[in-house]
Amino acid sequence: MTTFAVKTSVFCILILSAQVVISLDWELSRNLETGRITGAHVGWPKPYEPSQEVLAVQRHQREHPTLGFLWEPDIDTSDDVVVAWGDIPAGALTTDEYGFANTPSAITMRRDSVPVDIIGLGASYIGGAQGLFHEYCALKGYFYYNLAHGRFTLPQYNLALKDPGLSLNPRWAVYAVNEVSFVLIPDFEKWQATNMGWFDFHSGTWCGPARETGFPHDILRQWPRVHDTYRSVMQSLFRNKLPGKTLSRAKLMDKTFAYIQDAQAMAAQYNVNFVVLLIPSRNRMIHGPSPALYMFEELVPRVKEARIPFIDLRENYRTAEDPAQLYFKQDAHWNSVGVYRAVREVLAYIETNSSGNAKAME
């Protein structure tokens, strides 16, 4: 019986070893003249290489203990920091003491104790448009202050609302959700469970891929080639379908809705009116819905049932003669025309519901 067990174990090990060898990403070398194979080697996973744009932005980013990262605090116009990204017009960067980008006017007004009417929470759409939001809101007599930041996801929105958002005692909190902001929830939660800095966890940058942690990565990392071999084998065998690698669509939507509920409850506790701003992607507005864009289809029925206030920009954007004109051509974020339409919708909603707590839109 023992002999049979040993033979079975050896056989299984041989089969597994063969599978591992076959699964490696082999690259063949050929003689250019004859076409004959002259050798073979394993194609190791290529290391992450950030773009020059990413590195340029990172020079002005700093790690944050709870939010992960933000801009460097207290960047003034005298620092001459200019941020450029894709075909978005380059602009001067100014930040407050927290590290959130805001116009010099907004920062001065808040420090002079001017009451804040609206805070913006979200990621790159509303964070990148903070200057236009402040300017357009000011034309209607509202003081808008930005607490959004590029690459943020919903738990970061909630943390920004908690601190410093609620300490600003705003009348309204606009919770801007775009169609991909929720996919980074697992990434942020995984970072929270580590003791690593944001940049180190994300391959050295503010937006790089997350480092693989836990067993056996933490042990194998001290031998880079062995670690690369292990990663190559696992990637080839499972093709990014490792257990726990990603959340199911249902669980991801459950988390999304839960974070929105938590944010609304937090705002209500401090008598802050709360509204979710749904920002559609350029692909949706030009090409229509697709299986890859499902967040709004699943989220809207939930927020309606829970009577959570929301503004769905899809309706407004559909009335544009050419929806493509609402977005940049390369970067795909909304441009000044798209932002202006969004601000008008937000202010119209606030003015309609300013007499009391906001009610969910029907």
Protein backbone atom coordinates (compact mmCIF):
# COMPACT_ATOMS: atom_id res chain seq x y z
CA MET A 1 0.00 0.00 0.00
CA THR A 2 2.86 2.35 0.90
CA THR A 3 4.62 1.57 -2.39
CA PHE A 4 1.45 2.37 -4.34
CA ALA A 5 1.04 5.69 -2.50
CA VAL A 6 4.64 6.64 -3.22
CA LYS A 7 4.31 5.78 -6.90
CA THR A 8 1.07 7.72 -7.12
CA SER A 9 2.68 10.74 -5.48
CA VAL A 10 5.68 10.59 -7.81
CA PHE A 11 3.38 10.28 -10.82
CA CYS A 12 1.34 13.31 -9.70
CA ILE A 13 4.51 15.33 -9.14
CA LEU A 14 5.77 14.43 -12.64
CA ILE A 15 2.43 15.40 -14.20
CA LEU A 16 2.37 18.67 -12.28
CA SER A 17 5.97 19.43 -13.22
CA ALA A 18 5.22 18.77 -16.88
CA GLN A 19 2.20 21.04 -16.67
CA VAL A 20 4.32 23.77 -15.10
CA VAL A 21 6.98 23.52 -17.81
CA ILE A 22 4.36 23.57 -20.56
CA SER A 23 2.58 26.50 -18.97
CA LEU A 24 5.62 28.76 -18.91
CA ASP A 25 5.61 31.58 -21.44
CA TRP A 26 8.25 30.15 -23.77
CA GLU A 27 9.85 32.33 -26.45
CA LEU A 28 11.64 30.70 -29.37
CA SER A 29 14.73 32.09 -31.12
CA ARG A 30 15.10 31.46 -34.85
CA ASN A 31 17.84 31.84 -37.40
CA LEU A 32 16.81 34.76 -39.58
CA GLU A 33 18.18 33.11 -42.73
CA THR A 34 17.04 29.51 -42.31
CA GLY A 35 14.06 30.00 -40.03
CA ARG A 36 15.22 27.12 -37.85
CA ILE A 37 14.75 27.23 -34.09
CA THR A 38 18.08 27.95 -32.42
CA GLY A 39 16.98 28.14 -28.81
CA ALA A 40 14.21 28.70 -26.32
CA HIS A 41 13.87 30.72 -23.15
CA VAL A 42 11.16 31.68 -20.73
CA GLY A 43 9.55 35.08 -21.22
CA TRP A 44 9.49 36.44 -17.68
CA PRO A 45 6.68 38.81 -16.67
CA LYS A 46 7.74 42.29 -17.66
CA PRO A 47 8.09 44.78 -14.80
CA TYR A 48 5.73 47.73 -14.61
CA GLU A 49 7.17 50.81 -16.32
CA PRO A 50 5.32 54.05 -15.52
CA SER A 51 4.90 56.64 -18.26
CA GLN A 52 6.60 60.01 -18.16
CA GLU A 53 3.20 61.62 -17.46
CA VAL A 54 2.74 59.43 -14.40
CA LEU A 55 6.22 60.25 -13.11
CA ALA A 56 5.74 63.97 -13.74
CA VAL A 57 2.53 63.98 -11.72
CA GLN A 58 4.07 61.91 -8.95
CA ARG A 59 6.68 64.58 -8.26
CA HIS A 60 3.85 66.57 -6.69
CA GLN A 61 2.07 63.67 -4.95
CA ARG A 62 2.52 62.62 -1.32
CA GLU A 63 1.40 59.54 0.60
CA HIS A 64 -1.50 59.92 3.04
CA PRO A 65 -2.09 57.66 6.08
CA THR A 66 -5.80 57.03 5.44
CA LEU A 67 -6.55 58.14 1.88
CA GLY A 68 -3.42 56.56 0.42
CA PHE A 69 -2.12 59.58 -1.44
CA LEU A 70 -2.92 63.17 -2.33
CA TRP A 71 -1.23 66.19 -3.83
CA GLU A 72 1.57 67.80 -1.88
CA PRO A 73 -0.06 70.20 0.61
CA ASP A 74 0.10 73.99 0.31
CA ILE A 75 1.25 74.30 -3.30
CA ASP A 76 0.98 78.01 -4.09
CA THR A 77 0.93 79.88 -7.38
CA SER A 78 4.45 81.05 -6.58
CA ASP A 79 5.61 77.42 -6.82
CA ASP A 80 4.83 77.45 -10.57
CA VAL A 81 3.59 73.84 -10.60
CA VAL A 82 1.93 73.05 -13.92
CA VAL A 83 0.12 69.77 -14.51
CA ALA A 84 -0.34 68.38 -18.03
CA TRP A 85 -2.17 65.17 -18.99
CA GLY A 86 -3.06 63.98 -22.48
CA ASP A 87 -4.95 66.61 -24.45
CA ILE A 88 -6.33 68.29 -21.31
CA PRO A 89 -5.09 71.91 -21.28
CA ALA A 90 -2.15 72.28 -18.89
CA GLY A 91 -2.94 74.30 -15.80
CA ALA A 92 -1.35 75.65 -12.65
CA LEU A 93 -1.80 73.49 -9.56
CA THR A 94 -2.63 74.97 -6.15
CA THR A 95 -3.51 72.86 -3.11
CA ASP A 96 -4.78 73.39 0.41
CA GLU A 97 -3.20 72.19 3.65
CA TYR A 98 -4.84 68.78 3.23
CA GLY A 99 -3.48 68.16 -0.27
CA PHE A 100 -6.70 68.65 -2.26
CA ALA A 101 -6.50 70.74 -5.43
CA ASN A 102 -8.51 73.94 -5.18
CA THR A 103 -8.31 77.36 -6.78
CA PRO A 104 -6.50 80.13 -4.84
CA SER A 105 -9.89 81.83 -4.51
CA ALA A 106 -11.52 78.76 -2.94
CA ILE A 107 -8.64 78.23 -0.52
CA THR A 108 -8.65 81.89 0.55
CA MET A 109 -12.43 81.93 1.02
CA ARG A 110 -12.39 78.84 3.21
CA ARG A 111 -9.52 80.16 5.34
CA ASP A 112 -11.45 83.42 5.72
CA SER A 113 -14.34 81.35 7.15
CA VAL A 114 -16.70 81.93 4.23
CA PRO A 115 -19.47 79.30 4.64
CA VAL A 116 -19.05 76.38 2.25
CA ASP A 117 -22.19 75.62 0.25
CA ILE A 118 -21.10 72.53 -1.69
CA ILE A 119 -18.26 70.01 -1.36
CA GLY A 120 -17.36 67.72 -4.24
CA LEU A 121 -16.36 64.11 -3.57
CA GLY A 122 -15.13 61.75 -6.25
CA ALA A 123 -12.26 60.88 -8.54
CA SER A 124 -10.62 62.32 -11.66
CA TYR A 125 -13.75 63.65 -13.37
CA ILE A 126 -14.87 66.03 -10.66
CA GLY A 127 -11.40 66.40 -9.14
CA GLY A 128 -9.91 67.53 -12.42
CA ALA A 129 -12.82 69.91 -12.98
CA GLN A 130 -12.61 71.53 -9.54
CA GLY A 131 -11.63 74.92 -10.94
CA LEU A 132 -14.57 75.04 -13.35
CA PHE A 133 -16.98 73.80 -10.69
CA HIS A 134 -15.83 76.56 -8.32
CA GLU A 135 -16.05 79.20 -11.04
CA TYR A 136 -19.45 78.17 -12.40
CA CYS A 137 -20.95 77.79 -8.91
CA ALA A 138 -19.61 81.22 -7.90
CA LEU A 139 -21.50 82.79 -10.81
CA LYS A 140 -24.71 81.61 -9.15
CA GLY A 141 -23.63 82.68 -5.67
CA TYR A 142 -22.53 79.27 -4.37
CA PHE A 143 -19.19 78.48 -2.71
CA TYR A 144 -17.95 75.15 -4.05
CA TYR A 145 -14.97 73.36 -2.47
CA ASN A 146 -13.18 70.32 -3.87
CA LEU A 147 -12.43 67.15 -1.87
CA ALA A 148 -12.05 64.84 -4.88
CA HIS A 149 -8.85 63.40 -6.31
CA GLY A 150 -7.83 61.40 -9.37
CA ARG A 151 -7.83 57.59 -9.03
CA PHE A 152 -9.91 57.69 -5.87
CA THR A 153 -12.58 55.08 -5.34
CA LEU A 154 -15.71 55.02 -3.17
CA PRO A 155 -14.15 54.22 0.23
CA GLN A 156 -11.80 57.15 -0.34
CA TYR A 157 -14.79 59.39 -1.13
CA ASN A 158 -16.25 58.40 2.23
CA LEU A 159 -13.02 59.03 4.10
CA ALA A 160 -12.70 62.46 2.51
CA LEU A 161 -16.28 63.22 3.50
CA LYS A 162 -15.54 62.20 7.08
CA ASP A 163 -12.32 64.19 7.29
CA PRO A 164 -12.04 66.98 6.36
CA GLY A 165 -15.45 67.22 4.63
CA LEU A 166 -17.77 67.33 7.62
CA SER A 167 -15.53 69.77 9.47
CA LEU A 168 -16.22 72.31 6.71
CA ASN A 169 -19.92 72.23 7.67
CA PRO A 170 -21.14 72.28 4.05
CA ARG A 171 -24.80 72.57 3.09
CA TRP A 172 -24.45 69.96 0.33
CA ALA A 173 -22.21 67.02 -0.53
CA VAL A 174 -22.06 66.03 -4.21
CA TYR A 175 -20.92 62.41 -4.46
CA ALA A 176 -19.65 62.00 -8.03
CA VAL A 177 -19.58 58.44 -9.36
CA ASN A 178 -18.25 57.61 -12.80
CA GLU A 179 -18.68 54.28 -14.54
CA VAL A 180 -15.32 52.79 -13.52
CA SER A 181 -14.68 54.39 -10.13
CA PHE A 182 -16.07 51.34 -8.33
CA VAL A 183 -13.68 48.79 -9.86
CA LEU A 184 -10.81 50.02 -7.64
CA ILE A 185 -12.64 49.23 -4.40
CA PRO A 186 -10.86 45.84 -3.94
CA ASP A 187 -7.50 47.49 -4.63
CA PHE A 188 -8.03 50.11 -1.91
CA GLU A 189 -9.36 47.60 0.62
CA LYS A 190 -6.39 45.35 -0.01
CA TRP A 191 -4.01 48.27 0.58
CA GLN A 192 -5.82 49.12 3.82
CA ALA A 193 -5.10 45.59 5.08
CA THR A 194 -1.33 46.08 4.69
CA ASN A 195 1.23 48.21 6.49
CA MET A 196 2.72 49.36 3.21
CA GLY A 197 2.92 52.87 1.85
CA TRP A 198 0.68 53.63 -1.13
CA PHE A 199 3.52 54.02 -3.63
CA ASP A 200 5.35 50.90 -2.48
CA PHE A 201 2.14 48.86 -2.64
CA HIS A 202 1.42 50.15 -6.15
CA SER A 203 4.73 49.20 -7.75
CA GLY A 204 6.41 52.49 -6.85
CA THR A 205 3.84 54.93 -8.23
CA TRP A 206 0.47 56.45 -7.38
CA CYS A 207 -1.38 54.46 -10.05
CA GLY A 208 0.70 51.34 -10.69
CA PRO A 209 -0.49 47.73 -10.32
CA ALA A 210 -0.78 46.42 -6.78
CA ARG A 211 2.06 44.30 -5.47
CA GLU A 212 1.20 40.72 -4.73
CA THR A 213 1.47 40.17 -0.99
CA GLY A 214 1.06 37.30 1.42
CA PHE A 215 2.25 33.72 1.02
CA PRO A 216 4.30 32.82 -0.98
CA HIS A 217 5.06 36.24 -2.53
CA ASP A 218 6.54 37.75 0.64
CA ILE A 219 8.96 34.81 0.90
CA LEU A 220 9.83 34.42 -2.79
CA ARG A 221 10.39 38.15 -3.41
CA GLN A 222 13.89 37.88 -1.91
CA TRP A 223 14.78 35.68 -4.90
CA PRO A 224 13.56 37.73 -7.90
CA ARG A 225 14.07 35.03 -10.54
CA VAL A 226 12.27 32.40 -8.47
CA HIS A 227 9.46 34.86 -7.80
CA ASP A 228 9.22 35.71 -11.50
CA THR A 229 9.04 32.00 -12.34
CA TYR A 230 6.26 31.46 -9.83
CA ARG A 231 4.30 34.43 -11.17
CA SER A 232 4.79 33.28 -14.75
CA VAL A 233 3.53 29.79 -13.91
CA MET A 234 0.49 31.03 -12.01
CA GLN A 235 -0.42 33.57 -14.68
CA SER A 236 -0.13 30.93 -17.39
CA LEU A 237 -2.09 28.31 -15.47
CA PHE A 238 -4.93 30.51 -14.25
CA ARG A 239 -4.94 33.43 -16.71
CA ASN A 240 -5.82 35.97 -14.00
CA LYS A 241 -8.55 33.74 -12.53
CA LEU A 242 -6.83 33.01 -9.23
CA PRO A 243 -9.13 32.63 -6.21
CA GLY A 244 -9.61 35.99 -4.53
CA LYS A 245 -8.01 37.86 -7.41
CA THR A 246 -11.20 39.77 -8.23
CA LEU A 247 -14.65 40.20 -6.78
CA SER A 248 -17.70 38.96 -8.58
CA ARG A 249 -19.88 41.51 -10.31
CA ALA A 250 -22.61 41.04 -7.70
CA LYS A 251 -20.27 41.52 -4.74
CA LEU A 252 -18.67 44.55 -6.32
CA MET A 253 -22.07 46.16 -6.81
CA ASP A 254 -23.05 45.28 -3.23
CA LYS A 255 -19.95 47.07 -1.95
CA THR A 256 -20.62 50.06 -4.19
CA PHE A 257 -24.15 50.47 -2.89
CA ALA A 258 -23.04 49.95 0.72
CA TYR A 259 -20.45 52.73 0.48
CA ILE A 260 -23.04 55.09 -0.98
CA GLN A 261 -25.47 54.25 1.82
CA ASP A 262 -22.74 54.85 4.42
CA ALA A 263 -21.86 58.22 2.89
CA GLN A 264 -25.49 59.33 2.86
CA ALA A 265 -25.95 58.25 6.49
CA MET A 266 -22.79 60.08 7.52
CA ALA A 267 -23.95 63.26 5.79
CA ALA A 268 -27.43 63.02 7.33
CA GLN A 269 -25.94 62.69 10.80
CA TYR A 270 -24.42 66.16 10.35
CA ASN A 271 -27.46 67.64 8.55
CA VAL A 272 -25.60 67.79 5.24
CA ASN A 273 -27.77 67.36 2.15
CA PHE A 274 -26.46 64.53 -0.03
CA VAL A 275 -26.81 63.79 -3.75
CA VAL A 276 -25.11 61.24 -6.00
CA LEU A 277 -23.93 62.57 -9.37
CA LEU A 278 -23.79 59.85 -12.04
CA ILE A 279 -21.21 60.75 -14.71
CA PRO A 280 -21.49 58.71 -17.94
CA SER A 281 -18.43 57.70 -19.92
CA ARG A 282 -17.63 58.94 -23.39
CA ASN A 283 -17.95 55.42 -24.80
CA ARG A 284 -21.49 55.12 -23.49
CA MET A 285 -22.61 58.47 -24.82
CA ILE A 286 -21.12 57.86 -28.28
CA HIS A 287 -21.62 54.12 -28.76
CA GLY A 288 -24.43 53.36 -26.31
CA PRO A 289 -24.60 50.79 -23.48
CA SER A 290 -22.36 47.73 -23.58
CA PRO A 291 -21.79 44.67 -21.36
CA ALA A 292 -18.65 46.34 -19.99
CA LEU A 293 -20.66 49.34 -18.77
CA TYR A 294 -23.18 47.99 -16.31
CA MET A 295 -22.77 50.05 -13.15
CA PHE A 296 -25.54 52.57 -13.74
CA GLU A 297 -28.01 49.91 -14.92
CA GLU A 298 -27.57 48.04 -11.63
CA LEU A 299 -27.07 51.01 -9.32
CA VAL A 300 -29.97 53.27 -10.30
CA PRO A 301 -32.73 50.81 -9.30
CA ARG A 302 -31.06 50.36 -5.90
CA VAL A 303 -30.70 54.05 -5.12
CA LYS A 304 -34.28 54.67 -6.27
CA GLU A 305 -35.60 51.96 -3.97
CA ALA A 306 -33.51 53.31 -1.07
CA ARG A 307 -34.66 56.86 -1.90
CA ILE A 308 -31.08 58.11 -2.15
CA PRO A 309 -30.97 61.42 -4.07
CA PHE A 310 -29.21 61.23 -7.42
CA ILE A 311 -28.66 63.19 -10.62
CA ASP A 312 -28.28 61.07 -13.76
CA LEU A 313 -26.32 63.06 -16.36
CA ARG A 314 -27.15 60.55 -19.08
CA GLU A 315 -30.46 62.29 -19.68
CA ASN A 316 -28.86 65.71 -20.07
CA TYR A 317 -25.98 64.48 -22.21
CA ARG A 318 -28.34 62.71 -24.61
CA THR A 319 -29.81 66.08 -25.55
CA ALA A 320 -26.45 67.29 -26.89
CA GLU A 321 -26.30 67.53 -30.67
CA ASP A 322 -23.01 65.63 -30.59
CA PRO A 323 -22.23 63.98 -27.22
CA ALA A 324 -18.61 63.51 -28.31
CA GLN A 325 -18.19 67.27 -28.01
CA LEU A 326 -18.68 66.95 -24.24
CA TYR A 327 -15.41 65.04 -23.82
CA PHE A 328 -11.75 65.43 -24.72
CA LYS A 329 -10.72 63.50 -27.82
CA GLN A 330 -7.75 61.64 -26.33
CA ASP A 331 -8.18 61.66 -22.56
CA ALA A 332 -11.93 60.79 -22.61
CA HIS A 333 -12.78 62.86 -19.51
CA TRP A 334 -15.40 65.58 -19.83
CA ASN A 335 -14.28 68.94 -21.17
CA SER A 336 -15.49 72.41 -20.17
CA VAL A 337 -18.75 71.94 -22.12
CA GLY A 338 -19.51 68.68 -20.34
CA VAL A 339 -18.58 70.17 -16.98
CA TYR A 340 -20.81 73.19 -17.55
CA ARG A 341 -23.79 70.95 -18.26
CA ALA A 342 -23.07 68.99 -15.08
CA VAL A 343 -22.82 72.10 -12.90
CA ARG A 344 -26.13 73.41 -14.28
CA GLU A 345 -27.81 70.12 -13.39
CA VAL A 346 -26.32 70.11 -9.90
CA LEU A 347 -27.30 73.71 -9.15
CA ALA A 348 -30.82 73.22 -10.57
CA TYR A 349 -31.27 70.23 -8.29
CA ILE A 350 -29.92 72.09 -5.25
CA GLU A 351 -32.13 75.11 -5.87
CA THR A 352 -35.17 72.85 -6.24
CA ASN A 353 -34.41 71.01 -3.00
CA SER A 354 -32.85 73.79 -0.93
CA SER A 355 -35.85 74.25 1.34
CA GLY A 356 -35.15 71.02 3.19
CA ASN A 357 -33.47 67.68 2.94
CA ALA A 358 -32.97 66.47 -0.60
CA LYS A 359 -35.44 63.93 -1.95
CA ALA A 360 -34.63 61.15 -4.37
CA MET A 361 -35.31 62.01 -7.98
CA GLU A 362 -38.08 60.00 -9.57
